[in-house]
């Protein structure tokens, strides 16, 4: 299905300045520490993410923006280079939550 309308970004969806919560600041710090060194390929990118949630009611798209923002800070690339985003959700036991991801060159 296709609809002819310009997509609205998160940045355009809200008025005023958004501030990071203390929880997000800790999450950002912890994720950056857990990420292994990695050389991001040049050019357009494909990002595959698997979120392991313990709550089946968790929305699949909610953590995407935060996680991609952290990836770009850690690895020094602009996330506007992501041309394909593949996101999966799996349900795991409480305490077994995870994020699995892969960044690779996007080939059409």
N, C-alpha and C. Protein backbone atom coordinates (compact mmCIF):
# COMPACT_ATOMS: atom_id res chain seq x y z
N UNK A 1 0.85 -1.17 0.00
CA UNK A 1 0.00 0.00 0.00
C UNK A 1 0.89 1.23 0.00
N UNK A 2 0.50 2.22 -0.73
CA UNK A 2 1.24 3.49 -0.79
C UNK A 2 0.27 4.63 -0.55
N UNK A 3 0.71 5.59 0.26
CA UNK A 3 -0.07 6.82 0.42
C UNK A 3 0.84 7.98 0.06
N UNK A 4 0.34 8.92 -0.66
CA UNK A 4 1.15 10.05 -1.11
C UNK A 4 1.03 11.20 -0.12
N UNK A 5 1.93 11.17 0.86
CA UNK A 5 2.01 12.23 1.88
C UNK A 5 3.44 12.30 2.37
N UNK A 6 3.90 13.49 2.69
CA UNK A 6 5.25 13.67 3.20
C UNK A 6 5.33 13.15 4.62
N UNK A 7 6.29 12.26 4.93
CA UNK A 7 6.43 11.74 6.29
C UNK A 7 6.82 12.84 7.28
N UNK A 8 6.30 12.74 8.48
CA UNK A 8 6.65 13.68 9.56
C UNK A 8 7.69 13.01 10.45
N UNK A 9 8.78 13.73 10.72
CA UNK A 9 9.83 13.20 11.58
C UNK A 9 9.51 13.49 13.05
N UNK A 10 10.18 12.77 13.94
CA UNK A 10 10.02 13.02 15.37
C UNK A 10 10.36 14.47 15.69
N UNK A 11 11.39 15.00 15.04
CA UNK A 11 11.80 16.38 15.30
C UNK A 11 10.71 17.38 14.94
N UNK A 12 9.88 17.07 13.97
CA UNK A 12 8.81 17.98 13.55
C UNK A 12 7.49 17.69 14.26
N UNK A 13 7.41 16.58 14.97
CA UNK A 13 6.15 16.15 15.57
C UNK A 13 5.85 16.83 16.91
N UNK A 14 6.85 17.42 17.53
CA UNK A 14 6.67 18.00 18.86
C UNK A 14 7.17 19.43 18.88
N UNK A 15 6.54 20.26 19.70
CA UNK A 15 7.01 21.62 19.86
C UNK A 15 7.88 21.71 21.10
N UNK A 16 8.71 22.72 21.13
CA UNK A 16 9.57 22.91 22.31
C UNK A 16 10.76 21.99 22.29
N UNK A 17 11.62 22.19 23.23
CA UNK A 17 12.85 21.42 23.35
C UNK A 17 12.61 20.19 24.21
N UNK A 18 13.14 19.07 23.76
CA UNK A 18 13.06 17.84 24.53
C UNK A 18 14.36 17.67 25.31
N UNK A 19 14.25 17.30 26.54
CA UNK A 19 15.43 17.11 27.40
C UNK A 19 15.60 15.63 27.72
N UNK A 20 16.85 15.19 27.77
CA UNK A 20 17.15 13.80 28.12
C UNK A 20 16.85 13.58 29.60
N UNK A 21 16.22 12.46 29.89
CA UNK A 21 15.97 12.09 31.28
C UNK A 21 17.25 11.50 31.86
N UNK A 22 17.30 11.41 33.17
CA UNK A 22 18.45 10.77 33.82
C UNK A 22 18.55 9.31 33.39
N UNK A 23 17.40 8.65 33.22
CA UNK A 23 17.39 7.25 32.77
C UNK A 23 18.05 7.14 31.39
N UNK A 24 17.67 8.02 30.48
CA UNK A 24 18.25 7.98 29.14
C UNK A 24 19.75 8.29 29.17
N UNK A 25 20.16 9.24 29.99
CA UNK A 25 21.58 9.56 30.10
C UNK A 25 22.39 8.35 30.57
N UNK A 26 21.85 7.61 31.55
CA UNK A 26 22.53 6.39 32.03
C UNK A 26 22.54 5.32 30.94
N UNK A 27 21.41 5.16 30.25
CA UNK A 27 21.30 4.20 29.16
C UNK A 27 22.32 4.50 28.06
N UNK A 28 22.40 5.78 27.66
CA UNK A 28 23.34 6.19 26.64
C UNK A 28 24.78 5.87 27.06
N UNK A 29 25.12 6.21 28.30
CA UNK A 29 26.47 5.93 28.81
C UNK A 29 26.75 4.43 28.81
N UNK A 30 25.79 3.65 29.31
CA UNK A 30 25.98 2.19 29.41
C UNK A 30 26.09 1.54 28.05
N UNK A 31 25.23 1.93 27.12
CA UNK A 31 25.27 1.34 25.77
C UNK A 31 26.60 1.67 25.10
N UNK A 32 27.04 2.92 25.19
CA UNK A 32 28.31 3.31 24.57
C UNK A 32 29.48 2.51 25.15
N UNK A 33 29.43 2.22 26.45
CA UNK A 33 30.49 1.43 27.08
C UNK A 33 30.45 -0.02 26.60
N UNK A 34 29.26 -0.55 26.35
CA UNK A 34 29.11 -1.95 25.95
C UNK A 34 29.42 -2.19 24.48
N UNK A 35 29.36 -1.15 23.66
CA UNK A 35 29.60 -1.31 22.23
C UNK A 35 31.08 -1.54 21.95
N UNK A 36 31.37 -2.57 21.18
CA UNK A 36 32.75 -2.88 20.79
C UNK A 36 33.21 -1.92 19.71
N UNK A 37 34.52 -1.71 19.60
CA UNK A 37 35.03 -0.87 18.51
C UNK A 37 34.59 -1.45 17.15
N UNK A 38 34.30 -0.56 16.21
CA UNK A 38 33.79 -0.99 14.91
C UNK A 38 34.02 0.12 13.91
N UNK A 39 34.47 -0.24 12.71
CA UNK A 39 34.63 0.72 11.62
C UNK A 39 33.39 0.65 10.74
N UNK A 40 32.60 1.72 10.76
CA UNK A 40 31.38 1.79 9.96
C UNK A 40 31.78 1.92 8.49
N UNK A 41 31.15 1.12 7.61
CA UNK A 41 31.47 1.22 6.18
C UNK A 41 31.16 2.62 5.64
N UNK A 42 31.81 2.97 4.56
CA UNK A 42 31.53 4.24 3.87
C UNK A 42 30.23 4.10 3.09
N UNK A 43 29.66 5.23 2.71
CA UNK A 43 28.47 5.23 1.85
C UNK A 43 27.19 4.96 2.62
N UNK A 44 26.18 4.53 1.87
CA UNK A 44 24.87 4.26 2.45
C UNK A 44 24.91 2.99 3.28
N UNK A 45 24.08 2.96 4.32
CA UNK A 45 24.14 1.87 5.29
C UNK A 45 22.81 1.13 5.43
N UNK A 46 22.94 -0.10 5.85
CA UNK A 46 21.80 -0.91 6.27
C UNK A 46 22.01 -1.22 7.74
N UNK A 47 20.97 -1.03 8.54
CA UNK A 47 21.04 -1.32 9.97
C UNK A 47 19.97 -2.35 10.30
N UNK A 48 20.39 -3.47 10.86
CA UNK A 48 19.48 -4.51 11.32
C UNK A 48 19.52 -4.51 12.84
N UNK A 49 18.36 -4.45 13.47
CA UNK A 49 18.28 -4.45 14.93
C UNK A 49 17.28 -5.51 15.37
N UNK A 50 17.65 -6.28 16.39
CA UNK A 50 16.71 -7.18 17.05
C UNK A 50 16.64 -6.73 18.50
N UNK A 51 15.44 -6.35 18.94
CA UNK A 51 15.22 -5.98 20.33
C UNK A 51 14.61 -7.18 21.05
N UNK A 52 15.24 -7.59 22.14
CA UNK A 52 14.69 -8.63 22.99
C UNK A 52 13.97 -7.98 24.15
N UNK A 53 12.65 -7.97 24.11
CA UNK A 53 11.81 -7.36 25.14
C UNK A 53 11.24 -8.43 26.07
N UNK A 54 11.11 -8.09 27.33
CA UNK A 54 10.42 -8.99 28.26
C UNK A 54 8.93 -8.65 28.34
N UNK A 55 8.53 -7.53 27.78
CA UNK A 55 7.13 -7.10 27.79
C UNK A 55 6.59 -7.18 26.37
N UNK A 56 5.65 -8.08 26.14
CA UNK A 56 5.08 -8.25 24.81
C UNK A 56 4.35 -6.99 24.33
N UNK A 57 3.99 -6.11 25.25
CA UNK A 57 3.30 -4.88 24.88
C UNK A 57 4.23 -3.76 24.44
N UNK A 58 5.54 -3.99 24.47
CA UNK A 58 6.50 -2.96 24.07
C UNK A 58 6.39 -2.70 22.57
N UNK A 59 6.34 -1.44 22.20
CA UNK A 59 6.29 -1.07 20.79
C UNK A 59 7.65 -1.26 20.14
N UNK A 60 7.67 -1.87 18.98
CA UNK A 60 8.91 -2.19 18.28
C UNK A 60 9.69 -0.94 17.87
N UNK A 61 8.99 0.16 17.59
CA UNK A 61 9.67 1.34 17.06
C UNK A 61 10.18 2.30 18.13
N UNK A 62 9.69 2.21 19.34
CA UNK A 62 10.07 3.19 20.37
C UNK A 62 11.57 3.27 20.65
N UNK A 63 12.30 2.17 20.75
CA UNK A 63 13.73 2.29 21.06
C UNK A 63 14.63 2.57 19.87
N UNK A 64 14.08 2.59 18.66
CA UNK A 64 14.92 2.72 17.47
C UNK A 64 15.67 4.05 17.45
N UNK A 65 15.00 5.16 17.64
CA UNK A 65 15.63 6.49 17.55
C UNK A 65 16.75 6.64 18.59
N UNK A 66 16.45 6.27 19.83
CA UNK A 66 17.48 6.38 20.88
C UNK A 66 18.71 5.54 20.53
N UNK A 67 18.47 4.32 20.09
CA UNK A 67 19.59 3.42 19.81
C UNK A 67 20.40 3.91 18.61
N UNK A 68 19.75 4.35 17.54
CA UNK A 68 20.51 4.83 16.39
C UNK A 68 21.28 6.10 16.73
N UNK A 69 20.71 6.97 17.57
CA UNK A 69 21.44 8.16 17.99
C UNK A 69 22.70 7.80 18.76
N UNK A 70 22.61 6.79 19.62
CA UNK A 70 23.78 6.35 20.38
C UNK A 70 24.83 5.74 19.44
N UNK A 71 24.38 4.92 18.47
CA UNK A 71 25.31 4.33 17.51
C UNK A 71 26.08 5.40 16.75
N UNK A 72 25.39 6.42 16.31
CA UNK A 72 26.09 7.45 15.53
C UNK A 72 27.07 8.24 16.38
N UNK A 73 26.75 8.44 17.65
CA UNK A 73 27.70 9.13 18.54
C UNK A 73 28.93 8.26 18.79
N UNK A 74 28.70 6.99 19.06
CA UNK A 74 29.80 6.08 19.37
C UNK A 74 30.73 5.87 18.17
N UNK A 75 30.12 5.67 17.00
CA UNK A 75 30.90 5.29 15.82
C UNK A 75 31.18 6.44 14.86
N UNK A 76 30.69 7.63 15.16
CA UNK A 76 31.04 8.81 14.38
C UNK A 76 30.51 8.84 12.96
N UNK A 77 29.27 8.45 12.77
CA UNK A 77 28.65 8.56 11.45
C UNK A 77 27.31 9.28 11.60
N UNK A 78 26.79 9.79 10.49
CA UNK A 78 25.49 10.45 10.51
C UNK A 78 24.41 9.42 10.18
N UNK A 79 23.41 9.31 11.03
CA UNK A 79 22.39 8.28 10.81
C UNK A 79 21.51 8.56 9.59
N UNK A 80 21.68 9.71 8.95
CA UNK A 80 20.95 9.93 7.70
C UNK A 80 21.52 9.07 6.57
N UNK A 81 22.64 8.40 6.83
CA UNK A 81 23.22 7.46 5.86
C UNK A 81 22.54 6.10 5.90
N UNK A 82 21.64 5.87 6.84
CA UNK A 82 20.92 4.60 6.93
C UNK A 82 19.79 4.62 5.91
N UNK A 83 19.90 3.75 4.91
CA UNK A 83 18.91 3.67 3.84
C UNK A 83 18.01 2.46 3.98
N UNK A 84 18.41 1.51 4.76
CA UNK A 84 17.53 0.35 5.06
C UNK A 84 17.63 0.09 6.54
N UNK A 85 16.46 -0.05 7.15
CA UNK A 85 16.37 -0.35 8.57
C UNK A 85 15.48 -1.58 8.73
N UNK A 86 16.04 -2.62 9.31
CA UNK A 86 15.29 -3.86 9.54
C UNK A 86 15.22 -4.05 11.04
N UNK A 87 14.00 -4.08 11.59
CA UNK A 87 13.82 -4.16 13.04
C UNK A 87 12.94 -5.35 13.37
N UNK A 88 13.42 -6.18 14.28
CA UNK A 88 12.66 -7.33 14.75
C UNK A 88 12.47 -7.23 16.26
N UNK A 89 11.42 -7.85 16.73
CA UNK A 89 11.09 -7.89 18.16
C UNK A 89 10.94 -9.35 18.56
N UNK A 90 11.61 -9.72 19.63
CA UNK A 90 11.43 -11.05 20.21
C UNK A 90 11.12 -10.89 21.68
N UNK A 91 10.38 -11.83 22.21
CA UNK A 91 10.00 -11.79 23.63
C UNK A 91 10.90 -12.75 24.39
N UNK A 92 11.47 -12.25 25.48
CA UNK A 92 12.39 -13.02 26.31
C UNK A 92 11.94 -12.92 27.77
N UNK A 93 12.52 -13.72 28.61
CA UNK A 93 12.22 -13.67 30.04
C UNK A 93 12.72 -12.36 30.64
N UNK A 94 12.06 -11.90 31.69
CA UNK A 94 12.50 -10.69 32.38
C UNK A 94 13.94 -10.88 32.86
N UNK A 95 14.76 -9.88 32.63
CA UNK A 95 16.18 -9.96 32.96
C UNK A 95 17.05 -10.49 31.83
N UNK A 96 16.42 -10.95 30.74
CA UNK A 96 17.15 -11.48 29.59
C UNK A 96 17.08 -10.53 28.39
N UNK A 97 16.67 -9.29 28.59
CA UNK A 97 16.52 -8.32 27.51
C UNK A 97 17.87 -8.09 26.81
N UNK A 98 17.80 -7.76 25.51
CA UNK A 98 19.03 -7.55 24.75
C UNK A 98 18.75 -6.69 23.53
N UNK A 99 19.83 -6.23 22.93
CA UNK A 99 19.80 -5.58 21.62
C UNK A 99 20.89 -6.24 20.78
N UNK A 100 20.51 -6.76 19.64
CA UNK A 100 21.45 -7.32 18.69
C UNK A 100 21.37 -6.45 17.44
N UNK A 101 22.51 -6.12 16.84
CA UNK A 101 22.46 -5.26 15.68
C UNK A 101 23.60 -5.56 14.72
N UNK A 102 23.42 -5.12 13.49
CA UNK A 102 24.46 -5.23 12.47
C UNK A 102 24.37 -3.98 11.59
N UNK A 103 25.52 -3.39 11.34
CA UNK A 103 25.63 -2.25 10.43
C UNK A 103 26.46 -2.72 9.25
N UNK A 104 25.91 -2.55 8.06
CA UNK A 104 26.68 -2.94 6.87
C UNK A 104 26.35 -2.00 5.72
N UNK A 105 27.14 -2.12 4.66
CA UNK A 105 26.92 -1.30 3.47
C UNK A 105 25.57 -1.64 2.88
N UNK A 106 24.81 -0.63 2.49
CA UNK A 106 23.52 -0.84 1.82
C UNK A 106 23.76 -1.00 0.34
N UNK A 107 23.36 -2.13 -0.19
CA UNK A 107 23.50 -2.42 -1.61
C UNK A 107 22.10 -2.59 -2.19
N UNK A 108 21.79 -1.79 -3.20
CA UNK A 108 20.45 -1.87 -3.80
C UNK A 108 20.34 -3.02 -4.76
